[in-house]
């Protein structure tokens, strides 16, 4: 799995603090740090990007952002409802995490 750089780790940790205070938990999936709500993963890092599990409308909106693509941890096997959002779109991570948290809560 790709390794997250310091900027990605710092931003993820900031997001994690916010959501853990609201009942989310930190965990790992595919060896990467993730956040869970109700035992289900809603966000995580993947290299210098973050992944989010989104509902249909939010998924469509996220996919329209520059550089955003389907999350494919195994080549050729995209995960339904998941997007991979690059560090270049980090200013949107907080909102996407909020949408993902709401989707699973």
PDB file of N, CA and C in Angstrom:
ATOM      1  N   UNK A   1       0.842  -1.191   0.000  1.00  0.00           N
ATOM      2  CA  UNK A   1       0.000   0.000   0.000  1.00  0.00           C
ATOM      3  C   UNK A   1       0.881   1.245   0.000  1.00  0.00           C
ATOM      4  N   UNK A   2       0.439   2.274  -0.695  1.00  0.00           N
ATOM      5  CA  UNK A   2       1.223   3.519  -0.700  1.00  0.00           C
ATOM      6  C   UNK A   2       1.258   4.157   0.683  1.00  0.00           C
ATOM      7  N   UNK A   3       2.359   4.805   0.985  1.00  0.00           N
ATOM      8  CA  UNK A   3       2.546   5.449   2.281  1.00  0.00           C
ATOM      9  C   UNK A   3       2.156   6.921   2.213  1.00  0.00           C
ATOM     10  N   UNK A   4       1.458   7.373   3.223  1.00  0.00           N
ATOM     11  CA  UNK A   4       1.058   8.788   3.303  1.00  0.00           C
ATOM     12  C   UNK A   4       2.235   9.637   3.758  1.00  0.00           C
ATOM     13  N   UNK A   5       2.363  10.802   3.134  1.00  0.00           N
ATOM     14  CA  UNK A   5       3.389  11.744   3.529  1.00  0.00           C
ATOM     15  C   UNK A   5       2.964  12.542   4.752  1.00  0.00           C
ATOM     16  N   UNK A   6       3.866  13.351   5.301  1.00  0.00           N
ATOM     17  CA  UNK A   6       3.580  14.085   6.535  1.00  0.00           C
ATOM     18  C   UNK A   6       2.387  15.041   6.442  1.00  0.00           C
ATOM     19  N   UNK A   7       2.209  15.691   5.308  1.00  0.00           N
ATOM     20  CA  UNK A   7       1.092  16.622   5.149  1.00  0.00           C
ATOM     21  C   UNK A   7      -0.246  15.867   5.201  1.00  0.00           C
ATOM     22  N   UNK A   8      -0.304  14.728   4.541  1.00  0.00           N
ATOM     23  CA  UNK A   8      -1.516  13.908   4.540  1.00  0.00           C
ATOM     24  C   UNK A   8      -1.796  13.374   5.938  1.00  0.00           C
ATOM     25  N   UNK A   9      -0.759  12.890   6.613  1.00  0.00           N
ATOM     26  CA  UNK A   9      -0.919  12.364   7.971  1.00  0.00           C
ATOM     27  C   UNK A   9      -1.428  13.447   8.908  1.00  0.00           C
ATOM     28  N   UNK A  10      -0.859  14.631   8.803  1.00  0.00           N
ATOM     29  CA  UNK A  10      -1.279  15.746   9.666  1.00  0.00           C
ATOM     30  C   UNK A  10      -2.750  16.103   9.426  1.00  0.00           C
ATOM     31  N   UNK A  11      -3.146  16.204   8.174  1.00  0.00           N
ATOM     32  CA  UNK A  11      -4.545  16.541   7.865  1.00  0.00           C
ATOM     33  C   UNK A  11      -5.488  15.432   8.311  1.00  0.00           C
ATOM     34  N   UNK A  12      -5.087  14.171   8.130  1.00  0.00           N
ATOM     35  CA  UNK A  12      -5.921  13.064   8.582  1.00  0.00           C
ATOM     36  C   UNK A  12      -6.076  13.111  10.103  1.00  0.00           C
ATOM     37  N   UNK A  13      -4.980  13.349  10.809  1.00  0.00           N
ATOM     38  CA  UNK A  13      -5.044  13.421  12.279  1.00  0.00           C
ATOM     39  C   UNK A  13      -5.976  14.528  12.752  1.00  0.00           C
ATOM     40  N   UNK A  14      -5.954  15.665  12.071  1.00  0.00           N
ATOM     41  CA  UNK A  14      -6.863  16.761  12.417  1.00  0.00           C
ATOM     42  C   UNK A  14      -8.322  16.348  12.218  1.00  0.00           C
ATOM     43  N   UNK A  15      -8.602  15.704  11.089  1.00  0.00           N
ATOM     44  CA  UNK A  15      -9.960  15.208  10.833  1.00  0.00           C
ATOM     45  C   UNK A  15     -10.355  14.161  11.870  1.00  0.00           C
ATOM     46  N   UNK A  16      -9.426  13.268  12.165  1.00  0.00           N
ATOM     47  CA  UNK A  16      -9.710  12.196  13.118  1.00  0.00           C
ATOM     48  C   UNK A  16     -10.115  12.765  14.476  1.00  0.00           C
ATOM     49  N   UNK A  17      -9.417  13.775  14.951  1.00  0.00           N
ATOM     50  CA  UNK A  17      -9.760  14.392  16.238  1.00  0.00           C
ATOM     51  C   UNK A  17     -11.206  14.869  16.245  1.00  0.00           C
ATOM     52  N   UNK A  18     -11.604  15.528  15.183  1.00  0.00           N
ATOM     53  CA  UNK A  18     -12.965  16.057  15.074  1.00  0.00           C
ATOM     54  C   UNK A  18     -14.000  14.942  15.142  1.00  0.00           C
ATOM     55  N   UNK A  19     -13.779  13.880  14.385  1.00  0.00           N
ATOM     56  CA  UNK A  19     -14.773  12.816  14.309  1.00  0.00           C
ATOM     57  C   UNK A  19     -14.732  11.860  15.496  1.00  0.00           C
ATOM     58  N   UNK A  20     -13.575  11.630  16.067  1.00  0.00           N
ATOM     59  CA  UNK A  20     -13.489  10.798  17.271  1.00  0.00           C
ATOM     60  C   UNK A  20     -14.255  11.473  18.407  1.00  0.00           C
ATOM     61  N   UNK A  21     -14.174  12.787  18.478  1.00  0.00           N
ATOM     62  CA  UNK A  21     -14.926  13.532  19.502  1.00  0.00           C
ATOM     63  C   UNK A  21     -16.437  13.360  19.312  1.00  0.00           C
ATOM     64  N   UNK A  22     -16.848  12.976  18.114  1.00  0.00           N
ATOM     65  CA  UNK A  22     -18.276  12.791  17.800  1.00  0.00           C
ATOM     66  C   UNK A  22     -18.680  11.317  17.776  1.00  0.00           C
ATOM     67  N   UNK A  23     -17.779  10.423  18.204  1.00  0.00           N
ATOM     68  CA  UNK A  23     -18.129   9.013  18.313  1.00  0.00           C
ATOM     69  C   UNK A  23     -17.491   8.091  17.303  1.00  0.00           C
ATOM     70  N   UNK A  24     -16.741   8.622  16.351  1.00  0.00           N
ATOM     71  CA  UNK A  24     -16.044   7.768  15.383  1.00  0.00           C
ATOM     72  C   UNK A  24     -14.855   7.097  16.073  1.00  0.00           C
ATOM     73  N   UNK A  25     -14.331   6.065  15.445  1.00  0.00           N
ATOM     74  CA  UNK A  25     -13.142   5.395  15.973  1.00  0.00           C
ATOM     75  C   UNK A  25     -12.070   5.335  14.893  1.00  0.00           C
ATOM     76  N   UNK A  26     -10.820   5.304  15.360  1.00  0.00           N
ATOM     77  CA  UNK A  26      -9.688   5.133  14.445  1.00  0.00           C
ATOM     78  C   UNK A  26      -9.396   3.651  14.327  1.00  0.00           C
ATOM     79  N   UNK A  27      -9.008   3.224  13.120  1.00  0.00           N
ATOM     80  CA  UNK A  27      -8.700   1.823  12.885  1.00  0.00           C
ATOM     81  C   UNK A  27      -7.781   1.734  11.668  1.00  0.00           C
ATOM     82  N   UNK A  28      -7.657   0.531  11.100  1.00  0.00           N
ATOM     83  CA  UNK A  28      -6.872   0.331   9.873  1.00  0.00           C
ATOM     84  C   UNK A  28      -7.660  -0.548   8.910  1.00  0.00           C
ATOM     85  N   UNK A  29      -7.502  -0.269   7.619  1.00  0.00           N
ATOM     86  CA  UNK A  29      -8.073  -1.076   6.551  1.00  0.00           C
ATOM     87  C   UNK A  29      -7.031  -1.122   5.430  1.00  0.00           C
ATOM     88  N   UNK A  30      -6.732  -2.285   4.934  1.00  0.00           N
ATOM     89  CA  UNK A  30      -5.677  -2.446   3.925  1.00  0.00           C
ATOM     90  C   UNK A  30      -4.352  -1.856   4.433  1.00  0.00           C
ATOM     91  N   UNK A  31      -4.159  -1.841   5.747  1.00  0.00           N
ATOM     92  CA  UNK A  31      -2.943  -1.304   6.341  1.00  0.00           C
ATOM     93  C   UNK A  31      -2.890   0.209   6.425  1.00  0.00           C
ATOM     94  N   UNK A  32      -3.971   0.892   6.048  1.00  0.00           N
ATOM     95  CA  UNK A  32      -3.982   2.359   6.080  1.00  0.00           C
ATOM     96  C   UNK A  32      -4.854   2.846   7.229  1.00  0.00           C
ATOM     97  N   UNK A  33      -4.551   4.018   7.771  1.00  0.00           N
ATOM     98  CA  UNK A  33      -5.397   4.581   8.827  1.00  0.00           C
ATOM     99  C   UNK A  33      -6.773   4.945   8.278  1.00  0.00           C
ATOM    100  N   UNK A  34      -7.808   4.588   9.032  1.00  0.00           N
ATOM    101  CA  UNK A  34      -9.175   4.891   8.628  1.00  0.00           C
ATOM    102  C   UNK A  34      -9.987   5.384   9.817  1.00  0.00           C
ATOM    103  N   UNK A  35     -11.145   5.926   9.502  1.00  0.00           N
ATOM    104  CA  UNK A  35     -12.130   6.325  10.514  1.00  0.00           C
ATOM    105  C   UNK A  35     -13.384   5.501  10.306  1.00  0.00           C
ATOM    106  N   UNK A  36     -13.973   5.069  11.434  1.00  0.00           N
ATOM    107  CA  UNK A  36     -15.196   4.261  11.379  1.00  0.00           C
ATOM    108  C   UNK A  36     -16.321   4.950  12.138  1.00  0.00           C
ATOM    109  N   UNK A  37     -17.523   4.771  11.623  1.00  0.00           N
ATOM    110  CA  UNK A  37     -18.744   5.217  12.305  1.00  0.00           C
ATOM    111  C   UNK A  37     -19.645   3.991  12.397  1.00  0.00           C
ATOM    112  N   UNK A  38     -20.059   3.647  13.602  1.00  0.00           N
ATOM    113  CA  UNK A  38     -20.903   2.466  13.764  1.00  0.00           C
ATOM    114  C   UNK A  38     -20.222   1.200  13.280  1.00  0.00           C
ATOM    115  N   UNK A  39     -18.910   1.135  13.414  1.00  0.00           N
ATOM    116  CA  UNK A  39     -18.162  -0.042  12.999  1.00  0.00           C
ATOM    117  C   UNK A  39     -17.872  -0.127  11.510  1.00  0.00           C
ATOM    118  N   UNK A  40     -18.296   0.867  10.724  1.00  0.00           N
ATOM    119  CA  UNK A  40     -18.072   0.863   9.270  1.00  0.00           C
ATOM    120  C   UNK A  40     -17.144   2.007   8.870  1.00  0.00           C
ATOM    121  N   UNK A  41     -16.219   1.707   7.982  1.00  0.00           N
ATOM    122  CA  UNK A  41     -15.257   2.711   7.521  1.00  0.00           C
ATOM    123  C   UNK A  41     -15.952   3.748   6.656  1.00  0.00           C
ATOM    124  N   UNK A  42     -15.663   5.020   6.945  1.00  0.00           N
ATOM    125  CA  UNK A  42     -16.211   6.094   6.111  1.00  0.00           C
ATOM    126  C   UNK A  42     -15.136   6.969   5.481  1.00  0.00           C
ATOM    127  N   UNK A  43     -13.890   6.902   5.975  1.00  0.00           N
ATOM    128  CA  UNK A  43     -12.808   7.709   5.407  1.00  0.00           C
ATOM    129  C   UNK A  43     -11.470   7.101   5.798  1.00  0.00           C
ATOM    130  N   UNK A  44     -10.460   7.353   4.970  1.00  0.00           N
ATOM    131  CA  UNK A  44      -9.124   6.875   5.295  1.00  0.00           C
ATOM    132  C   UNK A  44      -8.095   7.452   4.350  1.00  0.00           C
ATOM    133  N   UNK A  45      -6.834   7.211   4.678  1.00  0.00           N
ATOM    134  CA  UNK A  45      -5.761   7.657   3.795  1.00  0.00           C
ATOM    135  C   UNK A  45      -5.378   6.533   2.857  1.00  0.00           C
ATOM    136  N   UNK A  46      -4.835   6.911   1.723  1.00  0.00           N
ATOM    137  CA  UNK A  46      -4.293   5.967   0.752  1.00  0.00           C
ATOM    138  C   UNK A  46      -3.199   6.721   0.017  1.00  0.00           C
ATOM    139  N   UNK A  47      -1.977   6.527   0.453  1.00  0.00           N
ATOM    140  CA  UNK A  47      -0.883   7.344  -0.058  1.00  0.00           C
ATOM    141  C   UNK A  47      -1.153   8.793   0.307  1.00  0.00           C
ATOM    142  N   UNK A  48      -0.896   9.692  -0.605  1.00  0.00           N
ATOM    143  CA  UNK A  48      -1.153  11.107  -0.361  1.00  0.00           C
ATOM    144  C   UNK A  48      -2.519  11.519  -0.887  1.00  0.00           C
ATOM    145  N   UNK A  49      -3.509  10.708  -0.554  1.00  0.00           N
ATOM    146  CA  UNK A  49      -4.901  10.981  -0.895  1.00  0.00           C
ATOM    147  C   UNK A  49      -5.756  10.460   0.248  1.00  0.00           C
ATOM    148  N   UNK A  50      -7.024  10.830   0.223  1.00  0.00           N
ATOM    149  CA  UNK A  50      -7.964  10.269   1.178  1.00  0.00           C
ATOM    150  C   UNK A  50      -9.091   9.602   0.424  1.00  0.00           C
ATOM    151  N   UNK A  51      -9.665   8.598   1.059  1.00  0.00           N
ATOM    152  CA  UNK A  51     -10.804   7.885   0.495  1.00  0.00           C
ATOM    153  C   UNK A  51     -12.037   8.205   1.334  1.00  0.00           C
ATOM    154  N   UNK A  52     -13.188   8.238   0.674  1.00  0.00           N
ATOM    155  CA  UNK A  52     -14.451   8.522   1.358  1.00  0.00           C
ATOM    156  C   UNK A  52     -15.546   7.638   0.782  1.00  0.00           C
ATOM    157  N   UNK A  53     -16.403   7.115   1.666  1.00  0.00           N
ATOM    158  CA  UNK A  53     -17.577   6.360   1.236  1.00  0.00           C
ATOM    159  C   UNK A  53     -18.751   7.325   1.247  1.00  0.00           C
ATOM    160  N   UNK A  54     -19.362   7.522   0.080  1.00  0.00           N
ATOM    161  CA  UNK A  54     -20.384   8.551  -0.076  1.00  0.00           C
ATOM    162  C   UNK A  54     -21.688   8.002  -0.645  1.00  0.00           C
ATOM    163  N   UNK A  55     -22.768   8.684  -0.318  1.00  0.00           N
ATOM    164  CA  UNK A  55     -24.064   8.377  -0.902  1.00  0.00           C
ATOM    165  C   UNK A  55     -24.091   8.819  -2.353  1.00  0.00           C
ATOM    166  N   UNK A  56     -25.114   8.397  -3.098  1.00  0.00           N
ATOM    167  CA  UNK A  56     -25.159   8.639  -4.552  1.00  0.00           C
ATOM    168  C   UNK A  56     -24.950  10.093  -4.988  1.00  0.00           C
ATOM    169  N   UNK A  57     -25.645  11.042  -4.388  1.00  0.00           N
ATOM    170  CA  UNK A  57     -25.504  12.445  -4.811  1.00  0.00           C
ATOM    171  C   UNK A  57     -24.116  12.991  -4.499  1.00  0.00           C
ATOM    172  N   UNK A  58     -23.642  12.710  -3.293  1.00  0.00           N
ATOM    173  CA  UNK A  58     -22.308  13.184  -2.909  1.00  0.00           C
ATOM    174  C   UNK A  58     -21.224  12.508  -3.738  1.00  0.00           C
ATOM    175  N   UNK A  59     -21.427  11.246  -4.075  1.00  0.00           N
ATOM    176  CA  UNK A  59     -20.470  10.504  -4.894  1.00  0.00           C
ATOM    177  C   UNK A  59     -20.357  11.153  -6.273  1.00  0.00           C
ATOM    178  N   UNK A  60     -21.484  11.476  -6.857  1.00  0.00           N
ATOM    179  CA  UNK A  60     -21.492  12.128  -8.171  1.00  0.00           C
ATOM    180  C   UNK A  60     -20.793  13.482  -8.110  1.00  0.00           C
ATOM    181  N   UNK A  61     -21.086  14.265  -7.081  1.00  0.00           N
ATOM    182  CA  UNK A  61     -20.442  15.579  -6.929  1.00  0.00           C
ATOM    183  C   UNK A  61     -18.939  15.440  -6.744  1.00  0.00           C
ATOM    184  N   UNK A  62     -18.518  14.488  -5.918  1.00  0.00           N
ATOM    185  CA  UNK A  62     -17.089  14.298  -5.661  1.00  0.00           C
ATOM    186  C   UNK A  62     -16.357  13.880  -6.935  1.00  0.00           C
ATOM    187  N   UNK A  63     -16.972  13.015  -7.710  1.00  0.00           N
ATOM    188  CA  UNK A  63     -16.327  12.542  -8.944  1.00  0.00           C
ATOM    189  C   UNK A  63     -16.148  13.649  -9.974  1.00  0.00           C
ATOM    190  N   UNK A  64     -16.864  14.742  -9.826  1.00  0.00           N
ATOM    191  CA  UNK A  64     -16.720  15.855 -10.764  1.00  0.00           C
ATOM    192  C   UNK A  64     -15.519  16.745 -10.417  1.00  0.00           C
ATOM    193  N   UNK A  65     -14.900  16.538  -9.263  1.00  0.00           N
ATOM    194  CA  UNK A  65     -13.745  17.344  -8.858  1.00  0.00           C
ATOM    195  C   UNK A  65     -12.487  16.894  -9.594  1.00  0.00           C
ATOM    196  N   UNK A  66     -11.643  17.829  -9.923  1.00  0.00           N
ATOM    197  CA  UNK A  66     -10.395  17.543 -10.618  1.00  0.00           C
ATOM    198  C   UNK A  66      -9.532  16.573  -9.820  1.00  0.00           C
ATOM    199  N   UNK A  67      -9.098  15.514 -10.476  1.00  0.00           N
ATOM    200  CA  UNK A  67      -8.181  14.555  -9.864  1.00  0.00           C
ATOM    201  C   UNK A  67      -8.841  13.459  -9.049  1.00  0.00           C
ATOM    202  N   UNK A  68     -10.137  13.565  -8.813  1.00  0.00           N
ATOM    203  CA  UNK A  68     -10.848  12.552  -8.020  1.00  0.00           C
ATOM    204  C   UNK A  68     -11.160  11.359  -8.920  1.00  0.00           C
ATOM    205  N   UNK A  69     -10.955  10.180  -8.373  1.00  0.00           N
ATOM    206  CA  UNK A  69     -11.233   8.962  -9.129  1.00  0.00           C
ATOM    207  C   UNK A  69     -11.839   7.904  -8.230  1.00  0.00           C
ATOM    208  N   UNK A  70     -12.294   6.835  -8.834  1.00  0.00           N
ATOM    209  CA  UNK A  70     -12.824   5.713  -8.056  1.00  0.00           C
ATOM    210  C   UNK A  70     -11.693   5.135  -7.211  1.00  0.00           C
ATOM    211  N   UNK A  71     -12.019   4.675  -6.017  1.00  0.00           N
ATOM    212  CA  UNK A  71     -11.019   4.054  -5.152  1.00  0.00           C
ATOM    213  C   UNK A  71     -10.873   2.601  -5.563  1.00  0.00           C
ATOM    214  N   UNK A  72      -9.654   2.258  -6.000  1.00  0.00           N
ATOM    215  CA  UNK A  72      -9.344   0.928  -6.506  1.00  0.00           C
ATOM    216  C   UNK A  72      -8.123   0.377  -5.789  1.00  0.00           C
ATOM    217  N   UNK A  73      -8.281  -0.151  -4.571  1.00  0.00           N
ATOM    218  CA  UNK A  73      -7.100  -0.664  -3.860  1.00  0.00           C
ATOM    219  C   UNK A  73      -6.474  -1.868  -4.560  1.00  0.00           C
ATOM    220  N   UNK A  74      -7.277  -2.588  -5.342  1.00  0.00           N
ATOM    221  CA  UNK A  74      -6.770  -3.679  -6.175  1.00  0.00           C
ATOM    222  C   UNK A  74      -7.099  -3.311  -7.619  1.00  0.00           C
ATOM    223  N   UNK A  75      -6.087  -3.201  -8.446  1.00  0.00           N
ATOM    224  CA  UNK A  75      -6.242  -2.777  -9.839  1.00  0.00           C
ATOM    225  C   UNK A  75      -7.393  -3.524 -10.521  1.00  0.00           C
ATOM    226  N   UNK A  76      -8.301  -2.750 -11.121  1.00  0.00           N
ATOM    227  CA  UNK A  76      -9.418  -3.325 -11.851  1.00  0.00           C
ATOM    228  C   UNK A  76     -10.621  -3.686 -10.994  1.00  0.00           C
ATOM    229  N   UNK A  77     -10.548  -3.367  -9.684  1.00  0.00           N
ATOM    230  CA  UNK A  77     -11.654  -3.708  -8.786  1.00  0.00           C
ATOM    231  C   UNK A  77     -12.051  -2.485  -7.953  1.00  0.00           C
ATOM    232  N   UNK A  78     -12.707  -1.509  -8.583  1.00  0.00           N
ATOM    233  CA  UNK A  78     -13.110  -0.311  -7.833  1.00  0.00           C
ATOM    234  C   UNK A  78     -14.137  -0.658  -6.756  1.00  0.00           C
ATOM    235  N   UNK A  79     -14.028   0.031  -5.634  1.00  0.00           N
ATOM    236  CA  UNK A  79     -14.976  -0.168  -4.544  1.00  0.00           C
ATOM    237  C   UNK A  79     -16.185   0.734  -4.769  1.00  0.00           C
ATOM    238  N   UNK A  80     -17.376   0.133  -4.735  1.00  0.00           N
ATOM    239  CA  UNK A  80     -18.602   0.908  -4.916  1.00  0.00           C
ATOM    240  C   UNK A  80     -18.709   1.953  -3.812  1.00  0.00           C
ATOM    241  N   UNK A  81     -19.233   3.100  -4.165  1.00  0.00           N
ATOM    242  CA  UNK A  81     -19.503   4.212  -3.256  1.00  0.00           C
ATOM    243  C   UNK A  81     -18.250   4.897  -2.716  1.00  0.00           C
ATOM    244  N   UNK A  82     -17.070   4.539  -3.203  1.00  0.00           N
ATOM    245  CA  UNK A  82     -15.823   5.100  -2.690  1.00  0.00           C
ATOM    246  C   UNK A  82     -15.125   5.960  -3.745  1.00  0.00           C
ATOM    247  N   UNK A  83     -14.530   7.055  -3.276  1.00  0.00           N
ATOM    248  CA  UNK A  83     -13.696   7.891  -4.142  1.00  0.00           C
ATOM    249  C   UNK A  83     -12.329   8.088  -3.502  1.00  0.00           C
ATOM    250  N   UNK A  84     -11.360   8.367  -4.343  1.00  0.00           N
ATOM    251  CA  UNK A  84      -9.997   8.675  -3.940  1.00  0.00           C
ATOM    252  C   UNK A  84      -9.772  10.143  -4.274  1.00  0.00           C
ATOM    253  N   UNK A  85      -9.530  10.944  -3.245  1.00  0.00           N
ATOM    254  CA  UNK A  85      -9.421  12.394  -3.406  1.00  0.00           C
ATOM    255  C   UNK A  85      -7.976  12.808  -3.111  1.00  0.00           C
ATOM    256  N   UNK A  86      -7.277  13.352  -4.115  1.00  0.00           N
ATOM    257  CA  UNK A  86      -5.855  13.664  -3.961  1.00  0.00           C
ATOM    258  C   UNK A  86      -5.594  14.827  -2.999  1.00  0.00           C
ATOM    259  N   UNK A  87      -4.347  14.893  -2.572  1.00  0.00           N
ATOM    260  CA  UNK A  87      -3.902  15.958  -1.675  1.00  0.00           C
ATOM    261  C   UNK A  87      -4.179  17.341  -2.268  1.00  0.00           C
ATOM    262  N   UNK A  88      -4.154  17.456  -3.587  1.00  0.00           N
ATOM    263  CA  UNK A  88      -4.440  18.737  -4.241  1.00  0.00           C
ATOM    264  C   UNK A  88      -5.851  19.233  -3.920  1.00  0.00           C
ATOM    265  N   UNK A  89      -6.732  18.337  -3.510  1.00  0.00           N
ATOM    266  CA  UNK A  89      -8.108  18.691  -3.137  1.00  0.00           C
ATOM    267  C   UNK A  89      -8.304  18.619  -1.615  1.00  0.00           C
ATOM    268  N   UNK A  90      -7.230  18.715  -0.855  1.00  0.00           N
ATOM    269  CA  UNK A  90      -7.289  18.561   0.611  1.00  0.00           C
ATOM    270  C   UNK A  90      -8.242  19.550   1.272  1.00  0.00           C
ATOM    271  N   UNK A  91      -8.435  20.714   0.668  1.00  0.00           N
ATOM    272  CA  UNK A  91      -9.358  21.684   1.269  1.00  0.00           C
ATOM    273  C   UNK A  91     -10.793  21.147   1.288  1.00  0.00           C
ATOM    274  N   UNK A  92     -11.071  20.135   0.487  1.00  0.00           N
ATOM    275  CA  UNK A  92     -12.412  19.531   0.439  1.00  0.00           C
ATOM    276  C   UNK A  92     -12.557  18.309   1.341  1.00  0.00           C
ATOM    277  N   UNK A  93     -11.458  17.829   1.902  1.00  0.00           N
ATOM    278  CA  UNK A  93     -11.491  16.619   2.712  1.00  0.00           C
ATOM    279  C   UNK A  93     -12.450  16.723   3.902  1.00  0.00           C
ATOM    280  N   UNK A  94     -12.439  17.838   4.573  1.00  0.00           N
ATOM    281  CA  UNK A  94     -13.292  17.996   5.755  1.00  0.00           C
ATOM    282  C   UNK A  94     -14.765  17.852   5.391  1.00  0.00           C
ATOM    283  N   UNK A  95     -15.184  18.530   4.335  1.00  0.00           N
ATOM    284  CA  UNK A  95     -16.579  18.449   3.906  1.00  0.00           C
ATOM    285  C   UNK A  95     -16.932  17.038   3.439  1.00  0.00           C
ATOM    286  N   UNK A  96     -16.035  16.406   2.694  1.00  0.00           N
ATOM    287  CA  UNK A  96     -16.297  15.051   2.228  1.00  0.00           C
ATOM    288  C   UNK A  96     -16.363  14.072   3.400  1.00  0.00           C
ATOM    289  N   UNK A  97     -15.506  14.268   4.391  1.00  0.00           N
ATOM    290  CA  UNK A  97     -15.545  13.408   5.580  1.00  0.00           C
ATOM    291  C   UNK A  97     -16.882  13.597   6.301  1.00  0.00           C
ATOM    292  N   UNK A  98     -17.352  14.819   6.367  1.00  0.00           N
ATOM    293  CA  UNK A  98     -18.635  15.100   7.004  1.00  0.00           C
ATOM    294  C   UNK A  98     -19.777  14.393   6.269  1.00  0.00           C
ATOM    295  N   UNK A  99     -19.754  14.478   4.953  1.00  0.00           N
ATOM    296  CA  UNK A  99     -20.788  13.831   4.138  1.00  0.00           C
ATOM    297  C   UNK A  99     -20.727  12.308   4.309  1.00  0.00           C
ATOM    298  N   UNK A 100     -19.514  11.754   4.350  1.00  0.00           N
ATOM    299  CA  UNK A 100     -19.340  10.312   4.521  1.00  0.00           C
ATOM    300  C   UNK A 100     -19.807   9.863   5.907  1.00  0.00           C
ATOM    301  N   UNK A 101     -19.463  10.643   6.926  1.00  0.00           N
ATOM    302  CA  UNK A 101     -19.877  10.338   8.299  1.00  0.00           C
ATOM    303  C   UNK A 101     -21.402  10.352   8.396  1.00  0.00           C
ATOM    304  N   UNK A 102     -22.017  11.369   7.826  1.00  0.00           N
ATOM    305  CA  UNK A 102     -23.482  11.450   7.836  1.00  0.00           C
ATOM    306  C   UNK A 102     -24.106  10.277   7.087  1.00  0.00           C
ATOM    307  N   UNK A 103     -23.487   9.876   5.995  1.00  0.00           N
ATOM    308  CA  UNK A 103     -24.015   8.775   5.184  1.00  0.00           C
ATOM    309  C   UNK A 103     -24.069   7.465   5.984  1.00  0.00           C
ATOM    310  N   UNK A 104     -23.064   7.233   6.815  1.00  0.00           N
ATOM    311  CA  UNK A 104     -23.021   5.977   7.573  1.00  0.00           C
ATOM    312  C   UNK A 104     -23.634   6.083   8.967  1.00  0.00           C
ATOM    313  N   UNK A 105     -23.965   7.282   9.389  1.00  0.00           N
ATOM    314  CA  UNK A 105     -24.514   7.440  10.745  1.00  0.00           C
ATOM    315  C   UNK A 105     -26.023   7.313  10.752  1.00  0.00           C
TER     316      UNK A 105
END
